Amino acid sequence: MDTPPPPEQPTPPADASTSETAGQTREPTIHLDQFLKTCGVATGGQAKLLIQGGEVTVNGERETRRRRQLRINDEVELDGVVYVVALG
Protein backbone atom coordinates (compact mmCIF):
# COMPACT_ATOMS: atom_id res chain seq x y z
CA MET A 1 0.00 0.00 0.00
CA ASP A 2 1.38 3.37 -1.02
CA THR A 3 1.59 6.15 1.55
CA PRO A 4 0.58 9.64 0.44
CA PRO A 5 3.35 12.22 0.16
CA PRO A 6 3.70 14.62 3.11
CA PRO A 7 1.80 17.90 2.76
CA GLU A 8 3.80 20.79 1.44
CA GLN A 9 4.95 23.33 4.01
CA PRO A 10 4.10 26.96 3.28
CA THR A 11 7.04 29.03 2.15
CA PRO A 12 7.51 32.31 4.02
CA PRO A 13 7.61 35.45 1.86
CA ALA A 14 11.07 36.57 0.81
CA ASP A 15 10.78 39.78 2.85
CA ALA A 16 9.66 38.02 6.08
CA SER A 17 11.62 38.73 9.23
CA THR A 18 14.06 35.96 10.06
CA SER A 19 14.24 36.71 13.79
CA GLU A 20 11.34 34.43 14.69
CA THR A 21 12.25 31.74 12.19
CA ALA A 22 15.86 31.72 13.39
CA GLY A 23 14.69 30.81 16.90
CA GLN A 24 15.88 33.95 18.63
CA THR A 25 14.56 34.51 22.13
CA ARG A 26 11.79 37.02 22.61
CA GLU A 27 12.00 40.07 24.81
CA PRO A 28 11.17 39.13 28.42
CA THR A 29 7.87 40.40 29.80
CA ILE A 30 5.96 40.30 33.08
CA HIS A 31 2.27 40.86 33.85
CA LEU A 32 1.40 44.07 35.68
CA ASP A 33 -0.12 42.31 38.68
CA GLN A 34 2.90 40.01 38.99
CA PHE A 35 5.24 43.01 38.77
CA LEU A 36 3.49 44.75 41.67
CA LYS A 37 3.76 41.57 43.73
CA THR A 38 7.45 41.17 42.83
CA CYS A 39 8.16 44.76 43.87
CA GLY A 40 6.57 44.01 47.22
CA VAL A 41 4.04 46.84 47.02
CA ALA A 42 0.97 44.57 47.00
CA THR A 43 -0.24 41.03 47.41
CA GLY A 44 -2.00 39.39 44.48
CA GLY A 45 -5.43 40.43 45.73
CA GLN A 46 -4.29 43.96 46.53
CA ALA A 47 -2.66 44.30 43.10
CA LYS A 48 -5.93 43.25 41.44
CA LEU A 49 -7.92 45.86 43.36
CA LEU A 50 -5.37 48.64 42.77
CA ILE A 51 -5.21 47.97 39.03
CA GLN A 52 -8.95 47.53 38.50
CA GLY A 53 -9.56 50.61 40.65
CA GLY A 54 -7.53 52.74 38.23
CA GLU A 55 -4.81 53.57 40.73
CA VAL A 56 -1.91 52.34 38.56
CA THR A 57 -0.39 53.98 35.50
CA VAL A 58 1.96 52.44 32.96
CA ASN A 59 4.12 54.85 30.98
CA GLY A 60 1.89 57.73 32.08
CA GLU A 61 -1.41 56.10 31.08
CA ARG A 62 -3.98 54.65 33.50
CA GLU A 63 -4.01 50.86 33.20
CA THR A 64 -6.87 48.64 34.39
CA ARG A 65 -5.76 45.33 32.85
CA ARG A 66 -4.04 43.04 35.36
CA ARG A 67 -2.46 40.94 32.61
CA ARG A 68 -0.94 43.92 30.80
CA GLN A 69 2.46 42.80 29.51
CA LEU A 70 5.28 44.99 30.79
CA ARG A 71 8.61 45.21 29.03
CA ILE A 72 12.03 46.41 30.07
CA ASN A 73 12.10 50.15 30.90
CA ASP A 74 8.29 50.47 31.22
CA GLU A 75 7.41 52.83 34.07
CA VAL A 76 4.73 51.80 36.55
CA GLU A 77 3.43 54.45 38.95
CA LEU A 78 1.49 53.79 42.13
CA ASP A 79 0.86 56.32 44.92
CA GLY A 80 3.32 58.79 43.37
CA VAL A 81 6.18 56.26 43.29
CA VAL A 82 7.58 55.23 39.91
CA TYR A 83 8.93 51.71 39.43
CA VAL A 84 10.99 50.96 36.31
CA VAL A 85 10.77 47.43 34.89
CA ALA A 86 14.17 45.72 34.75
CA LEU A 87 14.00 42.06 33.77
CA GLY A 88 16.91 39.73 33.46
PDB file of N, CA and C in Angstrom:
ATOM      1  N   MET A   1       0.846  -1.177   0.000  1.00  0.00           N
ATOM      2  CA  MET A   1       0.000   0.000   0.000  1.00  0.00           C
ATOM      3  C   MET A   1       0.890   1.239   0.000  1.00  0.00           C
ATOM      4  N   ASP A   2       0.580   2.149  -0.911  1.00  0.00           N
ATOM      5  CA  ASP A   2       1.377   3.371  -1.020  1.00  0.00           C
ATOM      6  C   ASP A   2       0.944   4.379   0.035  1.00  0.00           C
ATOM      7  N   THR A   3       1.925   5.090   0.596  1.00  0.00           N
ATOM      8  CA  THR A   3       1.595   6.152   1.549  1.00  0.00           C
ATOM      9  C   THR A   3       1.559   7.467   0.799  1.00  0.00           C
ATOM     10  N   PRO A   4       0.642   8.351   1.154  1.00  0.00           N
ATOM     11  CA  PRO A   4       0.576   9.635   0.440  1.00  0.00           C
ATOM     12  C   PRO A   4       1.793  10.486   0.778  1.00  0.00           C
ATOM     13  N   PRO A   5       2.204  11.351  -0.126  1.00  0.00           N
ATOM     14  CA  PRO A   5       3.347  12.224   0.157  1.00  0.00           C
ATOM     15  C   PRO A   5       2.987  13.198   1.272  1.00  0.00           C
ATOM     16  N   PRO A   6       3.979  13.656   2.026  1.00  0.00           N
ATOM     17  CA  PRO A   6       3.695  14.619   3.106  1.00  0.00           C
ATOM     18  C   PRO A   6       3.169  15.922   2.521  1.00  0.00           C
ATOM     19  N   PRO A   7       2.313  16.628   3.269  1.00  0.00           N
ATOM     20  CA  PRO A   7       1.797  17.900   2.760  1.00  0.00           C
ATOM     21  C   PRO A   7       2.925  18.912   2.621  1.00  0.00           C
ATOM     22  N   GLU A   8       2.777  19.765   1.643  1.00  0.00           N
ATOM     23  CA  GLU A   8       3.799  20.795   1.436  1.00  0.00           C
ATOM     24  C   GLU A   8       3.721  21.833   2.540  1.00  0.00           C
ATOM     25  N   GLN A   9       4.876  22.284   2.990  1.00  0.00           N
ATOM     26  CA  GLN A   9       4.952  23.326   4.006  1.00  0.00           C
ATOM     27  C   GLN A   9       4.887  24.683   3.320  1.00  0.00           C
ATOM     28  N   PRO A  10       4.158  25.636   3.902  1.00  0.00           N
ATOM     29  CA  PRO A  10       4.102  26.964   3.279  1.00  0.00           C
ATOM     30  C   PRO A  10       5.479  27.612   3.306  1.00  0.00           C
ATOM     31  N   THR A  11       5.771  28.321   2.255  1.00  0.00           N
ATOM     32  CA  THR A  11       7.042  29.025   2.145  1.00  0.00           C
ATOM     33  C   THR A  11       6.840  30.459   2.604  1.00  0.00           C
ATOM     34  N   PRO A  12       7.672  30.931   3.572  1.00  0.00           N
ATOM     35  CA  PRO A  12       7.507  32.313   4.020  1.00  0.00           C
ATOM     36  C   PRO A  12       7.879  33.279   2.905  1.00  0.00           C
ATOM     37  N   PRO A  13       7.265  34.456   2.880  1.00  0.00           N
ATOM     38  CA  PRO A  13       7.614  35.446   1.865  1.00  0.00           C
ATOM     39  C   PRO A  13       9.082  35.823   1.971  1.00  0.00           C
ATOM     40  N   ALA A  14       9.647  36.243   0.864  1.00  0.00           N
ATOM     41  CA  ALA A  14      11.070  36.569   0.815  1.00  0.00           C
ATOM     42  C   ALA A  14      11.434  37.716   1.753  1.00  0.00           C
ATOM     43  N   ASP A  15      10.476  38.631   1.997  1.00  0.00           N
ATOM     44  CA  ASP A  15      10.777  39.780   2.850  1.00  0.00           C
ATOM     45  C   ASP A  15      10.400  39.542   4.312  1.00  0.00           C
ATOM     46  N   ALA A  16      10.052  38.315   4.696  1.00  0.00           N
ATOM     47  CA  ALA A  16       9.663  38.016   6.077  1.00  0.00           C
ATOM     48  C   ALA A  16      10.854  38.165   7.015  1.00  0.00           C
ATOM     49  N   SER A  17      10.568  38.590   8.226  1.00  0.00           N
ATOM     50  CA  SER A  17      11.617  38.726   9.233  1.00  0.00           C
ATOM     51  C   SER A  17      12.158  37.347   9.600  1.00  0.00           C
ATOM     52  N   THR A  18      13.456  37.248   9.726  1.00  0.00           N
ATOM     53  CA  THR A  18      14.060  35.964  10.058  1.00  0.00           C
ATOM     54  C   THR A  18      14.271  35.796  11.548  1.00  0.00           C
ATOM     55  N   SER A  19      13.970  36.817  12.357  1.00  0.00           N
ATOM     56  CA  SER A  19      14.242  36.711  13.793  1.00  0.00           C
ATOM     57  C   SER A  19      13.417  35.605  14.452  1.00  0.00           C
ATOM     58  N   GLU A  20      12.154  35.469  14.085  1.00  0.00           N
ATOM     59  CA  GLU A  20      11.343  34.426  14.692  1.00  0.00           C
ATOM     60  C   GLU A  20      11.669  33.066  14.102  1.00  0.00           C
ATOM     61  N   THR A  21      11.962  33.021  12.822  1.00  0.00           N
ATOM     62  CA  THR A  21      12.246  31.741  12.195  1.00  0.00           C
ATOM     63  C   THR A  21      13.631  31.233  12.585  1.00  0.00           C
ATOM     64  N   ALA A  22      14.512  32.125  12.989  1.00  0.00           N
ATOM     65  CA  ALA A  22      15.860  31.725  13.387  1.00  0.00           C
ATOM     66  C   ALA A  22      15.887  31.218  14.824  1.00  0.00           C
ATOM     67  N   GLY A  23      14.763  31.322  15.545  1.00  0.00           N
ATOM     68  CA  GLY A  23      14.692  30.806  16.900  1.00  0.00           C
ATOM     69  C   GLY A  23      15.276  31.733  17.951  1.00  0.00           C
ATOM     70  N   GLN A  24      15.363  33.009  17.641  1.00  0.00           N
ATOM     71  CA  GLN A  24      15.883  33.948  18.626  1.00  0.00           C
ATOM     72  C   GLN A  24      14.895  34.069  19.781  1.00  0.00           C
ATOM     73  N   THR A  25      15.432  34.358  20.965  1.00  0.00           N
ATOM     74  CA  THR A  25      14.562  34.506  22.126  1.00  0.00           C
ATOM     75  C   THR A  25      13.803  35.816  22.041  1.00  0.00           C
ATOM     76  N   ARG A  26      12.620  35.818  22.607  1.00  0.00           N
ATOM     77  CA  ARG A  26      11.792  37.017  22.614  1.00  0.00           C
ATOM     78  C   ARG A  26      12.150  37.878  23.805  1.00  0.00           C
ATOM     79  N   GLU A  27      11.758  39.134  23.716  1.00  0.00           N
ATOM     80  CA  GLU A  27      11.995  40.071  24.808  1.00  0.00           C
ATOM     81  C   GLU A  27      11.227  39.601  26.043  1.00  0.00           C
ATOM     82  N   PRO A  28      11.872  39.568  27.214  1.00  0.00           N
ATOM     83  CA  PRO A  28      11.168  39.125  28.423  1.00  0.00           C
ATOM     84  C   PRO A  28      10.079  40.113  28.821  1.00  0.00           C
ATOM     85  N   THR A  29       8.983  39.576  29.339  1.00  0.00           N
ATOM     86  CA  THR A  29       7.872  40.401  29.799  1.00  0.00           C
ATOM     87  C   THR A  29       7.386  39.878  31.145  1.00  0.00           C
ATOM     88  N   ILE A  30       6.577  40.691  31.823  1.00  0.00           N
ATOM     89  CA  ILE A  30       5.959  40.298  33.083  1.00  0.00           C
ATOM     90  C   ILE A  30       4.591  40.956  33.135  1.00  0.00           C
ATOM     91  N   HIS A  31       3.603  40.283  33.708  1.00  0.00           N
ATOM     92  CA  HIS A  31       2.272  40.861  33.850  1.00  0.00           C
ATOM     93  C   HIS A  31       2.300  41.945  34.924  1.00  0.00           C
ATOM     94  N   LEU A  32       1.455  42.941  34.749  1.00  0.00           N
ATOM     95  CA  LEU A  32       1.402  44.071  35.675  1.00  0.00           C
ATOM     96  C   LEU A  32       1.140  43.626  37.104  1.00  0.00           C
ATOM     97  N   ASP A  33       0.176  42.742  37.314  1.00  0.00           N
ATOM     98  CA  ASP A  33      -0.120  42.314  38.683  1.00  0.00           C
ATOM     99  C   ASP A  33       1.058  41.561  39.295  1.00  0.00           C
ATOM    100  N   GLN A  34       1.728  40.752  38.500  1.00  0.00           N
ATOM    101  CA  GLN A  34       2.897  40.012  38.991  1.00  0.00           C
ATOM    102  C   GLN A  34       4.035  40.977  39.324  1.00  0.00           C
ATOM    103  N   PHE A  35       4.193  42.022  38.520  1.00  0.00           N
ATOM    104  CA  PHE A  35       5.235  43.011  38.770  1.00  0.00           C
ATOM    105  C   PHE A  35       5.022  43.709  40.111  1.00  0.00           C
ATOM    106  N   LEU A  36       3.778  44.090  40.390  1.00  0.00           N
ATOM    107  CA  LEU A  36       3.492  44.753  41.668  1.00  0.00           C
ATOM    108  C   LEU A  36       3.771  43.818  42.840  1.00  0.00           C
ATOM    109  N   LYS A  37       3.459  42.544  42.674  1.00  0.00           N
ATOM    110  CA  LYS A  37       3.761  41.566  43.729  1.00  0.00           C
ATOM    111  C   LYS A  37       5.272  41.414  43.895  1.00  0.00           C
ATOM    112  N   THR A  38       5.989  41.344  42.787  1.00  0.00           N
ATOM    113  CA  THR A  38       7.447  41.174  42.829  1.00  0.00           C
ATOM    114  C   THR A  38       8.127  42.372  43.494  1.00  0.00           C
ATOM    115  N   CYS A  39       7.593  43.551  43.252  1.00  0.00           N
ATOM    116  CA  CYS A  39       8.158  44.760  43.872  1.00  0.00           C
ATOM    117  C   CYS A  39       7.860  44.830  45.363  1.00  0.00           C
ATOM    118  N   GLY A  40       6.911  44.020  45.812  1.00  0.00           N
ATOM    119  CA  GLY A  40       6.566  44.015  47.223  1.00  0.00           C
ATOM    120  C   GLY A  40       5.611  45.113  47.635  1.00  0.00           C
ATOM    121  N   VAL A  41       4.959  45.754  46.671  1.00  0.00           N
ATOM    122  CA  VAL A  41       4.044  46.841  47.016  1.00  0.00           C
ATOM    123  C   VAL A  41       2.622  46.351  47.233  1.00  0.00           C
ATOM    124  N   ALA A  42       2.336  45.099  46.843  1.00  0.00           N
ATOM    125  CA  ALA A  42       0.975  44.574  47.001  1.00  0.00           C
ATOM    126  C   ALA A  42       0.990  43.057  46.944  1.00  0.00           C
ATOM    127  N   THR A  43      -0.015  42.460  47.591  1.00  0.00           N
ATOM    128  CA  THR A  43      -0.235  41.027  47.415  1.00  0.00           C
ATOM    129  C   THR A  43      -1.004  40.857  46.112  1.00  0.00           C
ATOM    130  N   GLY A  44      -1.257  39.621  45.713  1.00  0.00           N
ATOM    131  CA  GLY A  44      -2.005  39.387  44.481  1.00  0.00           C
ATOM    132  C   GLY A  44      -3.381  40.022  44.511  1.00  0.00           C
ATOM    133  N   GLY A  45      -4.093  39.851  45.616  1.00  0.00           N
ATOM    134  CA  GLY A  45      -5.427  40.434  45.731  1.00  0.00           C
ATOM    135  C   GLY A  45      -5.397  41.950  45.764  1.00  0.00           C
ATOM    136  N   GLN A  46      -4.427  42.501  46.466  1.00  0.00           N
ATOM    137  CA  GLN A  46      -4.294  43.957  46.527  1.00  0.00           C
ATOM    138  C   GLN A  46      -3.957  44.522  45.151  1.00  0.00           C
ATOM    139  N   ALA A  47      -3.054  43.845  44.439  1.00  0.00           N
ATOM    140  CA  ALA A  47      -2.662  44.296  43.103  1.00  0.00           C
ATOM    141  C   ALA A  47      -3.879  44.345  42.193  1.00  0.00           C
ATOM    142  N   LYS A  48      -4.710  43.311  42.255  1.00  0.00           N
ATOM    143  CA  LYS A  48      -5.927  43.249  41.440  1.00  0.00           C
ATOM    144  C   LYS A  48      -6.818  44.453  41.713  1.00  0.00           C
ATOM    145  N   LEU A  49      -7.039  44.744  42.994  1.00  0.00           N
ATOM    146  CA  LEU A  49      -7.917  45.857  43.363  1.00  0.00           C
ATOM    147  C   LEU A  49      -7.323  47.210  42.959  1.00  0.00           C
ATOM    148  N   LEU A  50      -6.020  47.378  43.137  1.00  0.00           N
ATOM    149  CA  LEU A  50      -5.365  48.636  42.768  1.00  0.00           C
ATOM    150  C   LEU A  50      -5.457  48.883  41.259  1.00  0.00           C
ATOM    151  N   ILE A  51      -5.197  47.833  40.493  1.00  0.00           N
ATOM    152  CA  ILE A  51      -5.212  47.967  39.031  1.00  0.00           C
ATOM    153  C   ILE A  51      -6.632  48.217  38.535  1.00  0.00           C
ATOM    154  N   GLN A  52      -7.573  47.380  38.958  1.00  0.00           N
ATOM    155  CA  GLN A  52      -8.951  47.533  38.499  1.00  0.00           C
ATOM    156  C   GLN A  52      -9.580  48.826  39.001  1.00  0.00           C
ATOM    157  N   GLY A  53      -9.063  49.351  40.112  1.00  0.00           N
ATOM    158  CA  GLY A  53      -9.564  50.614  40.646  1.00  0.00           C
ATOM    159  C   GLY A  53      -8.984  51.833  39.957  1.00  0.00           C
ATOM    160  N   GLY A  54      -8.098  51.628  38.985  1.00  0.00           N
ATOM    161  CA  GLY A  54      -7.534  52.742  38.229  1.00  0.00           C
ATOM    162  C   GLY A  54      -6.453  53.502  38.953  1.00  0.00           C
ATOM    163  N   GLU A  55      -5.821  52.886  39.940  1.00  0.00           N
ATOM    164  CA  GLU A  55      -4.806  53.572  40.731  1.00  0.00           C
ATOM    165  C   GLU A  55      -3.386  53.396  40.191  1.00  0.00           C
ATOM    166  N   VAL A  56      -3.242  52.647  39.103  1.00  0.00           N
ATOM    167  CA  VAL A  56      -1.915  52.338  38.557  1.00  0.00           C
ATOM    168  C   VAL A  56      -1.800  52.917  37.155  1.00  0.00           C
ATOM    169  N   THR A  57      -0.653  53.536  36.863  1.00  0.00           N
ATOM    170  CA  THR A  57      -0.392  53.985  35.499  1.00  0.00           C
ATOM    171  C   THR A  57       0.832  53.261  34.959  1.00  0.00           C
ATOM    172  N   VAL A  58       0.818  53.038  33.655  1.00  0.00           N
ATOM    173  CA  VAL A  58       1.961  52.440  32.962  1.00  0.00           C
ATOM    174  C   VAL A  58       2.367  53.419  31.872  1.00  0.00           C
ATOM    175  N   ASN A  59       3.599  53.872  31.942  1.00  0.00           N
ATOM    176  CA  ASN A  59       4.123  54.847  30.984  1.00  0.00           C
ATOM    177  C   ASN A  59       3.205  56.068  30.876  1.00  0.00           C
ATOM    178  N   GLY A  60       2.692  56.512  32.025  1.00  0.00           N
ATOM    179  CA  GLY A  60       1.885  57.726  32.076  1.00  0.00           C
ATOM    180  C   GLY A  60       0.417  57.549  31.747  1.00  0.00           C
ATOM    181  N   GLU A  61      -0.019  56.333  31.421  1.00  0.00           N
ATOM    182  CA  GLU A  61      -1.415  56.097  31.076  1.00  0.00           C
ATOM    183  C   GLU A  61      -2.057  55.149  32.082  1.00  0.00           C
ATOM    184  N   ARG A  62      -3.256  55.491  32.544  1.00  0.00           N
ATOM    185  CA  ARG A  62      -3.976  54.653  33.498  1.00  0.00           C
ATOM    186  C   ARG A  62      -4.188  53.271  32.898  1.00  0.00           C
ATOM    187  N   GLU A  63      -3.900  52.241  33.681  1.00  0.00           N
ATOM    188  CA  GLU A  63      -4.014  50.860  33.204  1.00  0.00           C
ATOM    189  C   GLU A  63      -4.922  50.073  34.137  1.00  0.00           C
ATOM    190  N   THR A  64      -5.936  49.415  33.574  1.00  0.00           N
ATOM    191  CA  THR A  64      -6.867  48.637  34.393  1.00  0.00           C
ATOM    192  C   THR A  64      -6.832  47.151  34.044  1.00  0.00           C
ATOM    193  N   ARG A  65      -5.876  46.753  33.209  1.00  0.00           N
ATOM    194  CA  ARG A  65      -5.757  45.331  32.851  1.00  0.00           C
ATOM    195  C   ARG A  65      -4.649  44.689  33.682  1.00  0.00           C
ATOM    196  N   ARG A  66      -5.018  43.717  34.508  1.00  0.00           N
ATOM    197  CA  ARG A  66      -4.036  43.040  35.363  1.00  0.00           C
ATOM    198  C   ARG A  66      -2.980  42.312  34.540  1.00  0.00           C
ATOM    199  N   ARG A  67      -3.369  41.750  33.416  1.00  0.00           N
ATOM    200  CA  ARG A  67      -2.459  40.939  32.610  1.00  0.00           C
ATOM    201  C   ARG A  67      -1.688  41.740  31.576  1.00  0.00           C
ATOM    202  N   ARG A  68      -1.695  43.053  31.709  1.00  0.00           N
ATOM    203  CA  ARG A  68      -0.936  43.917  30.795  1.00  0.00           C
ATOM    204  C   ARG A  68       0.518  43.458  30.803  1.00  0.00           C
ATOM    205  N   GLN A  69       1.077  43.239  29.625  1.00  0.00           N
ATOM    206  CA  GLN A  69       2.460  42.798  29.506  1.00  0.00           C
ATOM    207  C   GLN A  69       3.393  44.005  29.651  1.00  0.00           C
ATOM    208  N   LEU A  70       4.287  43.938  30.607  1.00  0.00           N
ATOM    209  CA  LEU A  70       5.281  44.988  30.792  1.00  0.00           C
ATOM    210  C   LEU A  70       6.590  44.536  30.176  1.00  0.00           C
ATOM    211  N   ARG A  71       7.312  45.491  29.630  1.00  0.00           N
ATOM    212  CA  ARG A  71       8.606  45.206  29.026  1.00  0.00           C
ATOM    213  C   ARG A  71       9.680  46.027  29.733  1.00  0.00           C
ATOM    214  N   ILE A  72      10.908  45.707  29.459  1.00  0.00           N
ATOM    215  CA  ILE A  72      12.033  46.409  30.069  1.00  0.00           C
ATOM    216  C   ILE A  72      11.887  47.913  29.827  1.00  0.00           C
ATOM    217  N   ASN A  73      12.135  48.687  30.870  1.00  0.00           N
ATOM    218  CA  ASN A  73      12.097  50.153  30.896  1.00  0.00           C
ATOM    219  C   ASN A  73      10.693  50.748  30.936  1.00  0.00           C
ATOM    220  N   ASP A  74       9.626  49.923  30.989  1.00  0.00           N
ATOM    221  CA  ASP A  74       8.293  50.473  31.217  1.00  0.00           C
ATOM    222  C   ASP A  74       8.279  51.090  32.613  1.00  0.00           C
ATOM    223  N   GLU A  75       7.514  52.157  32.774  1.00  0.00           N
ATOM    224  CA  GLU A  75       7.412  52.829  34.069  1.00  0.00           C
ATOM    225  C   GLU A  75       6.019  52.622  34.650  1.00  0.00           C
ATOM    226  N   VAL A  76       5.984  52.069  35.849  1.00  0.00           N
ATOM    227  CA  VAL A  76       4.734  51.799  36.547  1.00  0.00           C
ATOM    228  C   VAL A  76       4.672  52.746  37.737  1.00  0.00           C
ATOM    229  N   GLU A  77       3.573  53.497  37.839  1.00  0.00           N
ATOM    230  CA  GLU A  77       3.428  54.446  38.946  1.00  0.00           C
ATOM    231  C   GLU A  77       2.257  54.048  39.823  1.00  0.00           C
ATOM    232  N   LEU A  78       2.514  54.079  41.134  1.00  0.00           N
ATOM    233  CA  LEU A  78       1.486  53.789  42.130  1.00  0.00           C
ATOM    234  C   LEU A  78       1.756  54.678  43.332  1.00  0.00           C
ATOM    235  N   ASP A  79       0.755  55.419  43.759  1.00  0.00           N
ATOM    236  CA  ASP A  79       0.865  56.318  44.916  1.00  0.00           C
ATOM    237  C   ASP A  79       2.030  57.300  44.793  1.00  0.00           C
ATOM    238  N   GLY A  80       2.267  57.802  43.584  1.00  0.00           N
ATOM    239  CA  GLY A  80       3.319  58.791  43.371  1.00  0.00           C
ATOM    240  C   GLY A  80       4.719  58.222  43.281  1.00  0.00           C
ATOM    241  N   VAL A  81       4.861  56.911  43.393  1.00  0.00           N
ATOM    242  CA  VAL A  81       6.176  56.262  43.293  1.00  0.00           C
ATOM    243  C   VAL A  81       6.266  55.579  41.929  1.00  0.00           C
ATOM    244  N   VAL A  82       7.383  55.816  41.224  1.00  0.00           N
ATOM    245  CA  VAL A  82       7.577  55.229  39.906  1.00  0.00           C
ATOM    246  C   VAL A  82       8.533  54.057  40.027  1.00  0.00           C
ATOM    247  N   TYR A  83       8.114  52.921  39.474  1.00  0.00           N
ATOM    248  CA  TYR A  83       8.929  51.715  39.427  1.00  0.00           C
ATOM    249  C   TYR A  83       9.272  51.442  37.973  1.00  0.00           C
ATOM    250  N   VAL A  84      10.546  51.214  37.695  1.00  0.00           N
ATOM    251  CA  VAL A  84      10.990  50.956  36.312  1.00  0.00           C
ATOM    252  C   VAL A  84      11.218  49.459  36.171  1.00  0.00           C
ATOM    253  N   VAL A  85      10.649  48.874  35.127  1.00  0.00           N
ATOM    254  CA  VAL A  85      10.765  47.433  34.888  1.00  0.00           C
ATOM    255  C   VAL A  85      12.181  47.121  34.407  1.00  0.00           C
ATOM    256  N   ALA A  86      12.837  46.204  35.117  1.00  0.00           N
ATOM    257  CA  ALA A  86      14.168  45.722  34.748  1.00  0.00           C
ATOM    258  C   ALA A  86      14.147  44.210  34.894  1.00  0.00           C
ATOM    259  N   LEU A  87      14.064  43.523  33.768  1.00  0.00           N
ATOM    260  CA  LEU A  87      13.997  42.062  33.771  1.00  0.00           C
ATOM    261  C   LEU A  87      15.327  41.487  33.325  1.00  0.00           C
ATOM    262  N   GLY A  88      15.625  40.315  33.830  1.00  0.00           N
ATOM    263  CA  GLY A  88      16.911  39.729  33.456  1.00  0.00           C
ATOM    264  C   GLY A  88      16.819  38.326  32.994  1.00  0.00           C
TER     265      GLY A  88
END
